[in-house]
């Protein structure tokens, strides 16, 4: 039996979402373009991991993280942001499990998500 890991990428930059989708081609990647859309998709599909940008229109990643974790305290949310130094702490305080700083590499993403994937599979 193959277990498909679902990763929700919430980022207003379409090119970032595309890069992540290509880098994580071994997983099912679902995309949202803002925090509000991310919350709705999270509720609908219950992904295994969320990669969350911070600065987005409509709803930022900090608020979206708080709302997702309010509904599902076990959600695994990892920040994916160019603002790690200035706003990364906010996302961690909201409940994110870690931060991946843009620009990122396939290796940096996989290293951070692999421990959570291992827990999901077990």
N, C-alpha and C. Protein backbone atom coordinates (compact mmCIF):
# COMPACT_ATOMS: atom_id res chain seq x y z
N UNK A 1 0.83 -1.18 0.00
CA UNK A 1 0.00 0.00 0.00
C UNK A 1 0.88 1.25 0.00
N UNK A 2 0.61 2.17 -0.88
CA UNK A 2 1.35 3.42 -0.98
C UNK A 2 0.61 4.49 -0.17
N UNK A 3 1.35 5.16 0.69
CA UNK A 3 0.77 6.25 1.46
C UNK A 3 1.20 7.56 0.81
N UNK A 4 0.22 8.33 0.34
CA UNK A 4 0.53 9.60 -0.31
C UNK A 4 0.45 10.72 0.72
N UNK A 5 1.56 11.39 0.91
CA UNK A 5 1.63 12.51 1.84
C UNK A 5 1.09 13.75 1.13
N UNK A 6 0.16 14.45 1.78
CA UNK A 6 -0.41 15.68 1.23
C UNK A 6 0.24 16.89 1.89
N UNK A 7 0.74 17.79 1.04
CA UNK A 7 1.36 19.01 1.53
C UNK A 7 0.61 20.19 0.94
N UNK A 8 0.11 21.05 1.82
CA UNK A 8 -0.57 22.26 1.40
C UNK A 8 0.43 23.41 1.42
N UNK A 9 0.62 24.05 0.27
CA UNK A 9 1.53 25.20 0.16
C UNK A 9 0.68 26.45 0.07
N UNK A 10 0.83 27.33 1.06
CA UNK A 10 0.06 28.57 1.12
C UNK A 10 1.02 29.72 0.89
N UNK A 11 0.96 30.31 -0.30
CA UNK A 11 1.87 31.40 -0.67
C UNK A 11 1.22 32.21 -1.78
N UNK A 12 1.30 33.53 -1.68
CA UNK A 12 0.67 34.37 -2.69
C UNK A 12 1.49 34.45 -3.98
N UNK A 13 2.71 33.97 -3.96
CA UNK A 13 3.58 34.00 -5.14
C UNK A 13 3.45 32.67 -5.90
N UNK A 14 2.82 32.76 -7.06
CA UNK A 14 2.59 31.55 -7.86
C UNK A 14 3.88 30.84 -8.22
N UNK A 15 4.96 31.59 -8.49
CA UNK A 15 6.22 30.96 -8.86
C UNK A 15 6.81 30.17 -7.68
N UNK A 16 6.63 30.66 -6.47
CA UNK A 16 7.10 29.92 -5.29
C UNK A 16 6.31 28.61 -5.15
N UNK A 17 5.00 28.70 -5.32
CA UNK A 17 4.18 27.47 -5.24
C UNK A 17 4.62 26.47 -6.30
N UNK A 18 4.91 26.95 -7.49
CA UNK A 18 5.35 26.05 -8.57
C UNK A 18 6.69 25.41 -8.24
N UNK A 19 7.62 26.20 -7.72
CA UNK A 19 8.94 25.67 -7.35
C UNK A 19 8.79 24.58 -6.28
N UNK A 20 7.97 24.86 -5.28
CA UNK A 20 7.76 23.87 -4.21
C UNK A 20 7.13 22.61 -4.79
N UNK A 21 6.13 22.78 -5.66
CA UNK A 21 5.47 21.62 -6.27
C UNK A 21 6.50 20.76 -7.03
N UNK A 22 7.40 21.40 -7.76
CA UNK A 22 8.43 20.66 -8.50
C UNK A 22 9.40 19.99 -7.54
N UNK A 23 9.84 20.73 -6.51
CA UNK A 23 10.79 20.16 -5.54
C UNK A 23 10.21 18.99 -4.76
N UNK A 24 8.92 19.03 -4.53
CA UNK A 24 8.26 17.99 -3.74
C UNK A 24 7.38 17.10 -4.61
N UNK A 25 7.87 16.80 -5.79
CA UNK A 25 7.09 16.03 -6.77
C UNK A 25 6.74 14.63 -6.28
N UNK A 26 7.43 14.15 -5.25
CA UNK A 26 7.13 12.82 -4.70
C UNK A 26 5.91 12.82 -3.79
N UNK A 27 5.35 14.02 -3.55
CA UNK A 27 4.21 14.16 -2.66
C UNK A 27 3.04 14.77 -3.40
N UNK A 28 1.86 14.68 -2.82
CA UNK A 28 0.70 15.37 -3.38
C UNK A 28 0.73 16.80 -2.84
N UNK A 29 0.92 17.76 -3.71
CA UNK A 29 1.02 19.17 -3.32
C UNK A 29 -0.25 19.90 -3.74
N UNK A 30 -0.88 20.54 -2.76
CA UNK A 30 -2.08 21.34 -2.99
C UNK A 30 -1.69 22.79 -2.72
N UNK A 31 -2.27 23.72 -3.48
CA UNK A 31 -1.84 25.11 -3.38
C UNK A 31 -2.97 26.04 -2.98
N UNK A 32 -2.61 27.05 -2.18
CA UNK A 32 -3.52 28.14 -1.83
C UNK A 32 -2.75 29.45 -1.98
N UNK A 33 -3.44 30.51 -2.39
CA UNK A 33 -2.76 31.77 -2.68
C UNK A 33 -2.86 32.80 -1.55
N UNK A 34 -3.56 32.48 -0.46
CA UNK A 34 -3.60 33.37 0.70
C UNK A 34 -4.04 32.57 1.92
N UNK A 35 -3.93 33.18 3.09
CA UNK A 35 -4.25 32.48 4.33
C UNK A 35 -5.67 31.99 4.43
N UNK A 36 -6.62 32.81 3.99
CA UNK A 36 -8.02 32.41 4.07
C UNK A 36 -8.30 31.19 3.19
N UNK A 37 -7.77 31.21 1.98
CA UNK A 37 -7.92 30.05 1.09
C UNK A 37 -7.22 28.83 1.69
N UNK A 38 -6.08 29.07 2.34
CA UNK A 38 -5.36 27.98 2.99
C UNK A 38 -6.17 27.32 4.09
N UNK A 39 -6.86 28.14 4.89
CA UNK A 39 -7.71 27.60 5.97
C UNK A 39 -8.82 26.74 5.38
N UNK A 40 -9.48 27.26 4.34
CA UNK A 40 -10.58 26.52 3.72
C UNK A 40 -10.11 25.19 3.14
N UNK A 41 -8.95 25.21 2.46
CA UNK A 41 -8.42 23.97 1.90
C UNK A 41 -7.99 23.01 3.01
N UNK A 42 -7.41 23.56 4.07
CA UNK A 42 -7.01 22.70 5.19
C UNK A 42 -8.22 21.95 5.74
N UNK A 43 -9.30 22.69 5.97
CA UNK A 43 -10.51 22.07 6.52
C UNK A 43 -11.06 21.00 5.57
N UNK A 44 -10.94 21.24 4.28
CA UNK A 44 -11.51 20.33 3.28
C UNK A 44 -10.66 19.06 3.11
N UNK A 45 -9.34 19.22 3.03
CA UNK A 45 -8.50 18.06 2.67
C UNK A 45 -7.65 17.51 3.81
N UNK A 46 -7.52 18.24 4.89
CA UNK A 46 -6.71 17.81 6.04
C UNK A 46 -5.32 17.30 5.60
N UNK A 47 -4.48 18.19 5.05
CA UNK A 47 -3.16 17.76 4.61
C UNK A 47 -2.29 17.32 5.78
N UNK A 48 -1.23 16.59 5.47
CA UNK A 48 -0.31 16.12 6.50
C UNK A 48 0.60 17.24 7.00
N UNK A 49 0.97 18.14 6.08
CA UNK A 49 1.88 19.24 6.39
C UNK A 49 1.41 20.48 5.64
N UNK A 50 1.57 21.65 6.28
CA UNK A 50 1.29 22.93 5.63
C UNK A 50 2.58 23.73 5.58
N UNK A 51 2.93 24.23 4.39
CA UNK A 51 4.03 25.17 4.24
C UNK A 51 3.39 26.54 4.09
N UNK A 52 3.63 27.43 5.04
CA UNK A 52 2.89 28.68 5.16
C UNK A 52 3.79 29.90 5.00
N UNK A 53 3.48 30.73 4.00
CA UNK A 53 4.13 32.02 3.85
C UNK A 53 3.61 32.93 4.96
N UNK A 54 4.30 34.03 5.23
CA UNK A 54 3.82 34.97 6.24
C UNK A 54 3.08 36.14 5.60
N UNK A 55 3.77 36.89 4.74
CA UNK A 55 3.17 38.09 4.14
C UNK A 55 2.34 37.73 2.93
N UNK A 56 1.01 37.81 3.08
CA UNK A 56 0.09 37.53 1.98
C UNK A 56 -1.11 38.47 2.08
N UNK A 57 -1.77 38.71 0.95
CA UNK A 57 -2.99 39.53 1.00
C UNK A 57 -4.15 38.73 1.61
N UNK A 58 -5.21 39.41 1.93
CA UNK A 58 -6.45 38.86 2.48
C UNK A 58 -6.25 38.38 3.93
N UNK A 59 -5.36 37.42 4.15
CA UNK A 59 -5.03 36.98 5.50
C UNK A 59 -3.58 36.51 5.51
N UNK A 60 -2.81 37.02 6.47
CA UNK A 60 -1.40 36.63 6.51
C UNK A 60 -1.23 35.25 7.14
N UNK A 61 -0.02 34.73 7.05
CA UNK A 61 0.26 33.38 7.52
C UNK A 61 0.19 33.21 9.02
N UNK A 62 0.47 34.27 9.77
CA UNK A 62 0.40 34.18 11.23
C UNK A 62 -1.04 33.93 11.66
N UNK A 63 -1.97 34.72 11.13
CA UNK A 63 -3.38 34.57 11.48
C UNK A 63 -3.92 33.22 10.98
N UNK A 64 -3.54 32.84 9.76
CA UNK A 64 -4.00 31.56 9.22
C UNK A 64 -3.49 30.39 10.07
N UNK A 65 -2.24 30.49 10.50
CA UNK A 65 -1.67 29.45 11.36
C UNK A 65 -2.46 29.33 12.65
N UNK A 66 -2.75 30.47 13.29
CA UNK A 66 -3.52 30.47 14.54
C UNK A 66 -4.89 29.82 14.33
N UNK A 67 -5.56 30.17 13.23
CA UNK A 67 -6.90 29.63 13.00
C UNK A 67 -6.88 28.14 12.70
N UNK A 68 -5.92 27.70 11.92
CA UNK A 68 -5.81 26.26 11.63
C UNK A 68 -5.55 25.49 12.92
N UNK A 69 -4.60 25.97 13.72
CA UNK A 69 -4.27 25.27 14.96
C UNK A 69 -5.39 25.35 15.99
N UNK A 70 -6.20 26.37 15.92
CA UNK A 70 -7.37 26.46 16.80
C UNK A 70 -8.36 25.34 16.48
N UNK A 71 -8.52 25.04 15.19
CA UNK A 71 -9.42 23.98 14.76
C UNK A 71 -8.79 22.59 14.88
N UNK A 72 -7.47 22.52 14.64
CA UNK A 72 -6.76 21.24 14.67
C UNK A 72 -5.41 21.44 15.36
N UNK A 73 -5.35 21.28 16.67
CA UNK A 73 -4.10 21.51 17.41
C UNK A 73 -2.95 20.60 16.97
N UNK A 74 -3.25 19.53 16.25
CA UNK A 74 -2.20 18.61 15.79
C UNK A 74 -1.67 18.96 14.40
N UNK A 75 -2.17 20.02 13.80
CA UNK A 75 -1.71 20.41 12.46
C UNK A 75 -0.21 20.69 12.49
N UNK A 76 0.46 20.28 11.43
CA UNK A 76 1.89 20.53 11.28
C UNK A 76 2.05 21.66 10.27
N UNK A 77 2.44 22.81 10.77
CA UNK A 77 2.62 23.99 9.94
C UNK A 77 4.07 24.44 10.02
N UNK A 78 4.66 24.65 8.85
CA UNK A 78 6.05 25.09 8.76
C UNK A 78 6.06 26.37 7.94
N UNK A 79 6.72 27.39 8.47
CA UNK A 79 6.82 28.66 7.76
C UNK A 79 7.71 28.54 6.54
N UNK A 80 7.35 29.25 5.50
CA UNK A 80 8.13 29.30 4.25
C UNK A 80 8.15 30.78 3.87
N UNK A 81 9.21 31.50 4.29
CA UNK A 81 9.14 32.94 4.20
C UNK A 81 10.48 33.62 3.95
N UNK A 82 10.42 34.77 3.31
CA UNK A 82 11.60 35.62 3.14
C UNK A 82 11.78 36.51 4.36
N UNK A 83 10.80 36.51 5.26
CA UNK A 83 10.82 37.38 6.43
C UNK A 83 11.11 36.62 7.71
N UNK A 84 11.95 35.58 7.62
CA UNK A 84 12.24 34.74 8.78
C UNK A 84 12.84 35.56 9.92
N UNK A 85 13.73 36.48 9.60
CA UNK A 85 14.38 37.25 10.66
C UNK A 85 13.43 38.26 11.31
N UNK A 86 12.60 38.91 10.53
CA UNK A 86 11.74 39.95 11.09
C UNK A 86 10.40 39.42 11.62
N UNK A 87 9.85 38.36 11.00
CA UNK A 87 8.52 37.90 11.41
C UNK A 87 8.46 36.40 11.72
N UNK A 88 9.57 35.71 11.54
CA UNK A 88 9.57 34.27 11.79
C UNK A 88 9.17 33.91 13.21
N UNK A 89 9.61 34.72 14.18
CA UNK A 89 9.27 34.47 15.58
C UNK A 89 7.76 34.51 15.79
N UNK A 90 7.08 35.43 15.10
CA UNK A 90 5.61 35.52 15.20
C UNK A 90 4.96 34.21 14.78
N UNK A 91 5.46 33.65 13.67
CA UNK A 91 4.88 32.41 13.16
C UNK A 91 5.16 31.26 14.12
N UNK A 92 6.36 31.22 14.68
CA UNK A 92 6.68 30.17 15.65
C UNK A 92 5.82 30.32 16.90
N UNK A 93 5.61 31.55 17.36
CA UNK A 93 4.76 31.78 18.53
C UNK A 93 3.31 31.41 18.24
N UNK A 94 2.90 31.53 16.98
CA UNK A 94 1.54 31.14 16.60
C UNK A 94 1.38 29.62 16.56
N UNK A 95 2.51 28.89 16.56
CA UNK A 95 2.44 27.44 16.61
C UNK A 95 3.13 26.70 15.49
N UNK A 96 3.80 27.42 14.59
CA UNK A 96 4.54 26.74 13.51
C UNK A 96 5.66 25.90 14.12
N UNK A 97 5.94 24.78 13.47
CA UNK A 97 6.95 23.84 13.97
C UNK A 97 8.37 24.19 13.53
N UNK A 98 8.49 25.11 12.58
CA UNK A 98 9.80 25.50 12.08
C UNK A 98 9.65 26.53 10.98
N UNK A 99 10.78 27.02 10.51
CA UNK A 99 10.79 28.04 9.46
C UNK A 99 11.79 27.64 8.39
N UNK A 100 11.37 27.74 7.14
CA UNK A 100 12.27 27.58 6.00
C UNK A 100 12.39 28.97 5.38
N UNK A 101 13.62 29.45 5.28
CA UNK A 101 13.82 30.80 4.77
C UNK A 101 13.98 30.79 3.26
N UNK A 102 13.29 31.73 2.59
CA UNK A 102 13.46 31.93 1.16
C UNK A 102 14.71 32.78 0.97
N UNK A 103 15.51 32.55 -0.02
CA UNK A 103 15.39 31.44 -0.98
C UNK A 103 15.77 30.12 -0.31
N UNK A 104 15.17 29.05 -0.77
CA UNK A 104 15.36 27.75 -0.16
C UNK A 104 15.82 26.76 -1.21
N UNK A 105 16.25 25.62 -0.75
CA UNK A 105 16.66 24.53 -1.64
C UNK A 105 15.76 23.33 -1.38
N UNK A 106 15.78 22.41 -2.30
CA UNK A 106 15.01 21.17 -2.10
C UNK A 106 15.48 20.47 -0.82
N UNK A 107 16.79 20.49 -0.62
CA UNK A 107 17.37 19.86 0.56
C UNK A 107 16.86 20.51 1.84
N UNK A 108 16.80 21.85 1.89
CA UNK A 108 16.38 22.53 3.12
C UNK A 108 14.91 22.23 3.43
N UNK A 109 14.08 22.14 2.41
CA UNK A 109 12.67 21.80 2.64
C UNK A 109 12.56 20.35 3.12
N UNK A 110 13.19 19.44 2.41
CA UNK A 110 13.06 18.02 2.75
C UNK A 110 13.61 17.73 4.14
N UNK A 111 14.73 18.38 4.51
CA UNK A 111 15.30 18.14 5.84
C UNK A 111 14.34 18.54 6.95
N UNK A 112 13.60 19.62 6.73
CA UNK A 112 12.68 20.08 7.77
C UNK A 112 11.39 19.27 7.81
N UNK A 113 10.91 18.82 6.65
CA UNK A 113 9.63 18.10 6.66
C UNK A 113 9.78 16.59 6.90
N UNK A 114 10.96 16.03 6.63
CA UNK A 114 11.12 14.58 6.73
C UNK A 114 10.77 14.00 8.11
N UNK A 115 11.17 14.64 9.23
CA UNK A 115 10.78 14.05 10.52
C UNK A 115 9.25 14.00 10.70
N UNK A 116 8.55 14.98 10.17
CA UNK A 116 7.10 14.99 10.29
C UNK A 116 6.47 13.95 9.38
N UNK A 117 7.08 13.75 8.21
CA UNK A 117 6.58 12.72 7.29
C UNK A 117 6.75 11.34 7.93
N UNK A 118 7.90 11.12 8.56
CA UNK A 118 8.14 9.84 9.21
C UNK A 118 7.08 9.56 10.28
N UNK A 119 6.69 10.58 11.05
CA UNK A 119 5.66 10.41 12.08
C UNK A 119 4.29 10.12 11.46
N UNK A 120 4.03 10.73 10.31
CA UNK A 120 2.75 10.54 9.62
C UNK A 120 2.61 9.11 9.13
N UNK A 121 3.70 8.56 8.62
CA UNK A 121 3.67 7.21 8.04
C UNK A 121 3.53 6.15 9.13
N UNK A 122 4.14 6.41 10.29
CA UNK A 122 4.11 5.40 11.39
C UNK A 122 2.78 5.30 12.06
